[in-house]
Amino acid sequence: MNLKELSEKIEVSASTISRVLNDKPGISEATRAKVLEAIEKEHFTLNFAARNLVKAESRFIGIISRKRTSVEDVIFFHHSINQFQEILLQNNYFCVPIAYYDDKGIDFGNAPLSPNDYAGFIIRGQSIPQKEILSVKKFGKPFILLENSLYETKVNCVVCNDAELEYELTKILINKGHKRIVHVTGPDYWYNNKERIKGYSNAMNEAALEKEIICMEDTVLSTGRKTFELLNIDEETNIGVSFVNDAMAIGFIKEANDNNIKIGENISVVGFDDIPWASLTTPPLTTARIEIDDMGKLASMRLLDMISNSNNTKTVKSIVDGKIIIRNTT
C-alpha cells in the first residue's frame, strides 16, 4: 500500500500522515491515533531506500534547517514546513529533515539518504552560514533559500521586505517621541539581521537621531532578557527598543514584567515576525508580520520548477511583503 492509497482508505491527507510519521506537531491526538493505528494495521512505512531503487529519479526533498531549541522558533518555522509538505506531496515528493548544527555544520551523516539521493533542497532560516550553503551548491542539485540570501553569489531565494518593515517599525518609535531608540539584533552577518539594521539606520538617519545597535550572540528569549539588564531599565527610563525578532522582544517584556516595569508608555517595544506568542504577551507586542506560509509555498513551487526545468539556470530572488501589526507595546 502506498501513501495515496492509505490516505484514501482512512480519509486523512497524505501530508498529515507524513507529519505523523515524522513526529511533527500540529495534529490532534485523535487524528494521530487514527493514523498510527492504520499504519500498524497495514504495516505501512515510507521506505526511502526502496523507493529510490525502484524509481529512476529521486522523489525526496531535503529540508535543511538549524537544530532549534527555542519553542518560539520551532512554531514559527513549523508553518513553512506545512506548506512544503502539502505542495511537495501533491507532486509526489517527500520531505526529509536535515539538521544544521552550529558546531558541526549540516549533518548529512544522520539523515536517511546521502546528498546525491535528493532531487533538491530547501534551506530554511538566516542562521545557515554562506559556506554551508555553498557546500550544498557543490552537489549540483536544485536548491532554494527561505528567509535568507547571499550578497555576492546569486542563488534562488524567498525573503520578505525586511528593510522596509524595520524602517516602518523604527518610525513608529520615532513618532512616539523617543529620542533614544536602540536596535537589538543577533549576529550582524545574518542576512535578515543585516537587512533590518539597514531599515533601522535609514529611519534614524532621516530623523537625525543617534544610532545604537546591540548585537547579541543569538536571537532567543534568554538574549532578550539579557538586553533588559544591559540597558539598565528602570521606571524613569524613556526609550524605544526595536528587536530583530519577537522571541527577543518577548524575553525583554517578560523581564520587565518580573521587575514591575510597565511597557507601552515611557518604554516602547517592537518585535519582528508575529509569531503566535506576540499577541499573547502582557501587553501584546507591536511587530511586523512575516507571511511565512506564503513564503514556504512559493519556495516549494519554485524548487519544483527548477527540478522539472533543469535547463533554466536563471536565479530568482522573490520578495514577499509583510505588514505592520500595531498592538499595545507602542
Protein backbone atom coordinates (compact mmCIF):
# COMPACT_ATOMS: atom_id res chain seq x y z
CA MET A 1 0.00 0.00 0.00
CA ASN A 2 1.37 3.42 -0.94
CA LEU A 3 0.82 6.77 0.77
CA LYS A 4 -2.00 7.83 -1.54
CA GLU A 5 -3.88 4.56 -1.01
CA LEU A 6 -3.53 4.81 2.77
CA SER A 7 -4.68 8.43 2.66
CA GLU A 8 -7.82 7.50 0.73
CA LYS A 9 -8.57 4.49 2.91
CA ILE A 10 -8.54 6.36 6.23
CA GLU A 11 -9.67 9.74 4.79
CA VAL A 12 -6.68 11.62 6.14
CA SER A 13 -4.48 13.81 3.92
CA ALA A 14 -1.12 12.47 2.77
CA SER A 15 0.66 15.42 4.38
CA THR A 16 -0.92 14.65 7.76
CA ILE A 17 0.20 11.01 7.51
CA SER A 18 3.71 12.19 6.64
CA ARG A 19 3.76 14.55 9.64
CA VAL A 20 2.72 11.72 11.94
CA LEU A 21 5.49 9.52 10.53
CA ASN A 22 7.98 12.33 11.15
CA ASP A 23 6.59 13.08 14.65
CA LYS A 24 5.63 16.66 13.75
CA PRO A 25 3.36 18.89 15.92
CA GLY A 26 0.06 20.48 14.92
CA ILE A 27 -2.06 17.29 14.71
CA SER A 28 -4.90 16.41 17.09
CA GLU A 29 -4.47 13.40 19.35
CA ALA A 30 -7.49 11.71 17.76
CA THR A 31 -6.11 12.07 14.24
CA ARG A 32 -2.63 10.98 15.31
CA ALA A 33 -4.09 7.87 16.98
CA LYS A 34 -6.15 7.08 13.88
CA VAL A 35 -3.10 7.34 11.60
CA LEU A 36 -0.85 5.29 13.88
CA GLU A 37 -3.48 2.57 14.17
CA ALA A 38 -3.82 2.38 10.37
CA ILE A 39 -0.03 2.35 9.89
CA GLU A 40 0.31 -0.57 12.29
CA LYS A 41 -2.62 -2.46 10.77
CA GLU A 42 -1.39 -2.04 7.19
CA HIS A 43 2.32 -2.41 8.09
CA PHE A 44 2.86 0.87 6.27
CA THR A 45 6.22 2.66 6.10
CA LEU A 46 7.94 5.24 3.93
CA ASN A 47 10.91 3.16 2.79
CA PHE A 48 13.34 5.78 1.49
CA ALA A 49 15.97 3.41 0.10
CA ALA A 50 13.49 1.08 -1.61
CA ARG A 51 11.68 3.94 -3.30
CA ASN A 52 14.90 5.32 -4.73
CA LEU A 53 15.91 1.91 -6.09
CA VAL A 54 12.55 1.47 -7.82
CA LYS A 55 12.42 4.94 -9.36
CA ALA A 56 14.89 6.27 -11.90
CA GLU A 57 14.72 9.73 -10.34
CA SER A 58 14.70 10.80 -6.71
CA ARG A 59 11.41 11.87 -5.14
CA PHE A 60 12.93 13.34 -1.99
CA ILE A 61 13.50 16.96 -0.97
CA GLY A 62 15.96 17.70 1.81
CA ILE A 63 14.72 20.38 4.24
CA ILE A 64 17.84 21.83 5.84
CA SER A 65 17.34 23.93 8.96
CA ARG A 66 19.14 24.85 12.13
CA LYS A 67 18.63 22.48 15.05
CA ARG A 68 16.48 24.70 17.27
CA THR A 69 15.79 24.58 20.99
CA SER A 70 13.63 27.72 21.08
CA VAL A 71 9.93 26.75 21.05
CA GLU A 72 9.08 30.12 19.50
CA ASP A 73 11.36 29.48 16.51
CA VAL A 74 10.11 25.92 16.09
CA ILE A 75 6.48 27.03 15.89
CA PHE A 76 7.29 29.89 13.50
CA PHE A 77 9.07 27.60 11.04
CA HIS A 78 6.50 24.82 11.51
CA HIS A 79 4.10 26.85 9.36
CA SER A 80 6.51 26.94 6.43
CA ILE A 81 7.20 23.20 6.53
CA ASN A 82 3.46 22.55 6.42
CA GLN A 83 3.44 24.34 3.08
CA PHE A 84 6.44 22.35 1.87
CA GLN A 85 4.76 19.07 2.69
CA GLU A 86 1.37 19.94 1.20
CA ILE A 87 2.74 21.12 -2.14
CA LEU A 88 5.56 18.60 -2.47
CA LEU A 89 3.34 15.64 -1.58
CA GLN A 90 0.80 16.77 -4.17
CA ASN A 91 3.64 16.42 -6.68
CA ASN A 92 4.80 13.04 -5.29
CA TYR A 93 7.85 14.37 -3.46
CA PHE A 94 8.63 13.69 0.19
CA CYS A 95 10.26 15.99 2.74
CA VAL A 96 13.30 14.68 4.60
CA PRO A 97 14.53 16.84 7.54
CA ILE A 98 18.29 17.51 7.68
CA ALA A 99 19.75 19.32 10.70
CA TYR A 100 22.35 22.07 10.74
CA TYR A 101 24.32 22.33 13.98
CA ASP A 102 26.26 25.44 14.93
CA ASP A 103 29.27 23.37 16.00
CA LYS A 104 29.47 20.82 13.16
CA GLY A 105 27.53 22.16 10.16
CA ILE A 106 24.95 20.29 8.06
CA ASP A 107 24.65 16.76 9.40
CA PHE A 108 24.13 14.55 6.35
CA GLY A 109 25.58 11.65 8.32
CA ASN A 110 22.40 11.21 10.41
CA ALA A 111 20.00 11.82 7.51
CA PRO A 112 18.38 8.74 5.90
CA LEU A 113 19.85 9.48 2.45
CA SER A 114 23.17 10.59 1.01
CA PRO A 115 23.32 14.08 -0.58
CA ASN A 116 23.16 12.68 -4.12
CA ASP A 117 19.89 10.84 -3.38
CA TYR A 118 17.86 14.06 -3.17
CA ALA A 119 16.05 15.80 -6.02
CA GLY A 120 16.70 19.16 -4.40
CA PHE A 121 16.96 21.10 -1.14
CA ILE A 122 15.14 23.85 0.72
CA ILE A 123 17.45 25.66 3.14
CA ARG A 124 15.47 27.44 5.85
CA GLY A 125 16.49 30.38 8.01
CA GLN A 126 19.16 33.03 8.07
CA SER A 127 21.49 31.28 10.51
CA ILE A 128 22.85 28.80 7.94
CA PRO A 129 26.31 30.21 7.06
CA GLN A 130 27.32 31.02 3.50
CA LYS A 131 29.99 28.29 3.45
CA GLU A 132 27.36 25.67 4.33
CA ILE A 133 25.02 26.93 1.60
CA LEU A 134 27.83 26.81 -0.94
CA SER A 135 28.71 23.27 0.18
CA VAL A 136 25.15 22.24 -0.80
CA LYS A 137 25.55 24.07 -4.11
CA LYS A 138 28.50 21.78 -4.94
CA PHE A 139 26.19 18.76 -5.11
CA GLY A 140 24.75 20.18 -8.32
CA LYS A 141 21.15 19.75 -7.12
CA PRO A 142 18.49 22.48 -7.31
CA PHE A 143 18.13 24.35 -4.03
CA ILE A 144 16.38 27.43 -2.71
CA LEU A 145 16.84 29.55 0.41
CA LEU A 146 13.91 30.58 2.61
CA GLU A 147 14.34 33.74 4.72
CA ASN A 148 17.95 34.04 3.66
CA SER A 149 20.01 35.29 0.73
CA LEU A 150 23.61 35.80 -0.30
CA TYR A 151 25.04 39.14 -1.34
CA GLU A 152 27.94 38.04 -3.55
CA THR A 153 26.62 34.77 -5.02
CA LYS A 154 23.34 34.66 -6.93
CA VAL A 155 21.02 31.97 -5.56
CA ASN A 156 17.30 31.27 -5.72
CA CYS A 157 15.68 32.55 -2.56
CA VAL A 158 12.45 33.74 -0.96
CA VAL A 159 12.68 36.61 1.54
CA CYS A 160 10.46 39.32 2.97
CA ASN A 161 10.89 43.08 2.68
CA ASP A 162 12.94 43.20 5.88
CA ALA A 163 14.50 46.65 5.50
CA GLU A 164 11.20 48.36 4.64
CA LEU A 165 9.36 46.76 7.55
CA GLU A 166 12.10 47.64 10.05
CA TYR A 167 12.11 51.21 8.74
CA GLU A 168 8.36 51.44 9.47
CA LEU A 169 8.76 49.92 12.94
CA THR A 170 11.51 52.37 13.82
CA LYS A 171 9.37 55.26 12.55
CA ILE A 172 6.66 54.21 15.00
CA LEU A 173 9.14 54.62 17.85
CA ILE A 174 10.38 57.95 16.47
CA ASN A 175 6.85 59.30 16.06
CA LYS A 176 6.09 58.40 19.67
CA GLY A 177 8.73 60.93 20.65
CA HIS A 178 11.55 58.71 21.85
CA LYS A 179 14.97 60.34 21.45
CA ARG A 180 16.86 57.20 22.39
CA ILE A 181 15.96 54.25 20.17
CA VAL A 182 18.00 51.06 20.37
CA HIS A 183 18.02 48.26 17.82
CA VAL A 184 18.78 44.84 19.33
CA THR A 185 19.88 42.19 16.87
CA GLY A 186 21.75 38.88 16.75
CA PRO A 187 24.92 38.14 14.77
CA ASP A 188 25.26 41.06 12.35
CA TYR A 189 26.37 38.83 9.45
CA TRP A 190 23.00 37.02 9.25
CA TYR A 191 21.11 38.19 6.18
CA ASN A 192 17.86 39.25 7.86
CA ASN A 193 19.71 40.95 10.68
CA LYS A 194 21.75 42.98 8.17
CA GLU A 195 18.61 44.00 6.28
CA ARG A 196 16.78 45.03 9.43
CA ILE A 197 19.78 47.02 10.64
CA LYS A 198 19.63 48.81 7.28
CA GLY A 199 15.97 49.72 7.78
CA TYR A 200 16.59 50.94 11.34
CA SER A 201 19.60 53.00 10.24
CA ASN A 202 17.67 54.64 7.39
CA ALA A 203 14.90 55.77 9.75
CA MET A 204 17.33 57.03 12.39
CA ASN A 205 19.43 58.94 9.84
CA GLU A 206 16.31 60.52 8.40
CA ALA A 207 15.29 61.70 11.89
CA ALA A 208 18.85 62.86 12.71
CA LEU A 209 18.94 60.60 15.77
CA GLU A 210 22.00 58.76 17.07
CA LYS A 211 22.02 55.07 16.22
CA GLU A 212 22.55 52.49 18.96
CA ILE A 213 22.85 48.87 17.83
CA ILE A 214 23.38 45.96 20.21
CA CYS A 215 24.45 42.61 18.70
CA MET A 216 23.66 39.58 20.85
CA GLU A 217 25.03 36.06 20.38
CA ASP A 218 21.61 34.67 19.42
CA THR A 219 18.01 35.79 18.91
CA VAL A 220 16.11 33.84 21.58
CA LEU A 221 14.14 34.56 24.78
CA SER A 222 17.22 34.48 27.01
CA THR A 223 19.12 37.09 24.97
CA GLY A 224 16.05 39.33 25.08
CA ARG A 225 16.02 39.05 28.85
CA LYS A 226 19.75 39.89 28.96
CA THR A 227 19.05 43.06 26.98
CA PHE A 228 16.86 44.38 29.81
CA GLU A 229 19.88 44.24 32.11
CA LEU A 230 22.28 45.70 29.53
CA LEU A 231 20.07 48.75 29.02
CA ASN A 232 19.72 49.40 32.79
CA ILE A 233 15.96 49.77 32.51
CA ASP A 234 14.09 51.33 35.45
CA GLU A 235 10.83 53.25 36.00
CA GLU A 236 12.37 56.52 34.81
CA THR A 237 13.81 55.15 31.57
CA ASN A 238 12.46 56.72 28.38
CA ILE A 239 13.44 54.50 25.46
CA GLY A 240 12.23 52.78 22.32
CA VAL A 241 13.61 49.30 21.73
CA SER A 242 13.40 47.58 18.36
CA PHE A 243 14.15 43.86 18.45
CA VAL A 244 15.19 41.88 15.39
CA ASN A 245 12.59 39.22 16.22
CA ASP A 246 9.65 38.54 18.53
CA ALA A 247 11.42 35.94 20.67
CA MET A 248 13.90 38.54 21.94
CA ALA A 249 11.17 41.15 22.42
CA ILE A 250 9.08 38.68 24.43
CA GLY A 251 12.07 37.87 26.64
CA PHE A 252 12.59 41.59 27.27
CA ILE A 253 8.90 42.13 28.12
CA LYS A 254 8.93 39.15 30.49
CA GLU A 255 11.95 40.57 32.31
CA ALA A 256 10.26 43.99 32.52
CA ASN A 257 7.10 42.44 33.97
CA ASP A 258 9.14 40.48 36.50
CA ASN A 259 10.70 43.78 37.61
CA ASN A 260 7.34 45.62 37.72
CA ILE A 261 8.35 47.90 34.83
CA LYS A 262 5.44 48.92 32.61
CA ILE A 263 5.86 48.59 28.84
CA GLY A 264 3.95 50.82 26.42
CA GLU A 265 4.41 54.30 27.87
CA ASN A 266 7.95 55.55 28.62
CA ILE A 267 9.29 52.28 27.30
CA SER A 268 8.12 51.17 23.84
CA VAL A 269 8.98 47.81 22.30
CA VAL A 270 8.61 46.39 18.78
CA GLY A 271 9.44 42.92 17.51
CA PHE A 272 9.54 41.17 14.13
CA ASP A 273 7.86 38.02 12.68
CA ASP A 274 4.46 37.98 14.51
CA ILE A 275 4.86 34.52 16.00
CA PRO A 276 1.77 33.17 17.86
CA TRP A 277 3.07 34.40 21.23
CA ALA A 278 3.30 38.03 20.05
CA SER A 279 -0.40 38.71 20.60
CA LEU A 280 -0.38 36.94 23.99
CA THR A 281 2.30 38.94 25.80
CA THR A 282 1.41 41.46 28.51
CA PRO A 283 0.98 43.88 26.87
CA PRO A 284 0.52 42.45 23.33
CA LEU A 285 3.51 43.12 21.08
CA THR A 286 3.68 45.54 18.14
CA THR A 287 5.54 43.72 15.38
CA ALA A 288 5.95 43.04 11.66
CA ARG A 289 4.05 40.04 10.33
CA ILE A 290 6.02 37.74 8.03
CA GLU A 291 3.81 35.78 5.66
CA ILE A 292 5.79 32.60 6.28
CA ASP A 293 3.04 30.34 4.90
CA ASP A 294 3.08 32.16 1.56
CA MET A 295 6.86 32.15 1.54
CA GLY A 296 7.01 28.39 2.16
CA LYS A 297 4.51 27.79 -0.62
CA LEU A 298 6.46 29.97 -3.03
CA ALA A 299 9.76 28.27 -2.16
CA SER A 300 8.25 24.83 -2.83
CA MET A 301 6.76 25.85 -6.16
CA ARG A 302 9.99 27.49 -7.30
CA LEU A 303 12.03 24.40 -6.35
CA LEU A 304 9.64 22.12 -8.25
CA ASP A 305 10.03 24.37 -11.29
CA MET A 306 13.82 24.13 -11.07
CA ILE A 307 13.66 20.34 -10.80
CA SER A 308 11.36 19.95 -13.81
CA ASN A 309 13.17 22.57 -15.92
CA SER A 310 16.83 21.79 -15.36
CA ASN A 311 17.88 23.84 -18.39
CA ASN A 312 16.54 27.04 -16.79
CA THR A 313 19.54 28.30 -14.83
CA LYS A 314 18.12 31.77 -14.11
CA THR A 315 18.26 32.70 -10.41
CA VAL A 316 15.23 34.41 -8.87
CA LYS A 317 15.02 36.42 -5.64
CA SER A 318 11.35 36.52 -4.60
CA ILE A 319 10.29 39.15 -2.06
CA VAL A 320 7.03 38.62 -0.16
CA ASP A 321 5.65 41.72 1.54
CA GLY A 322 4.88 41.61 5.25
CA LYS A 323 2.80 44.10 7.23
CA ILE A 324 2.97 46.08 10.45
CA ILE A 325 0.76 44.91 13.33
CA ILE A 326 0.11 47.64 15.91
CA ARG A 327 -0.58 46.44 19.45
CA ASN A 328 -0.03 47.82 22.95
CA THR A 329 3.76 47.93 23.41
CA THR A 330 3.97 51.22 21.46
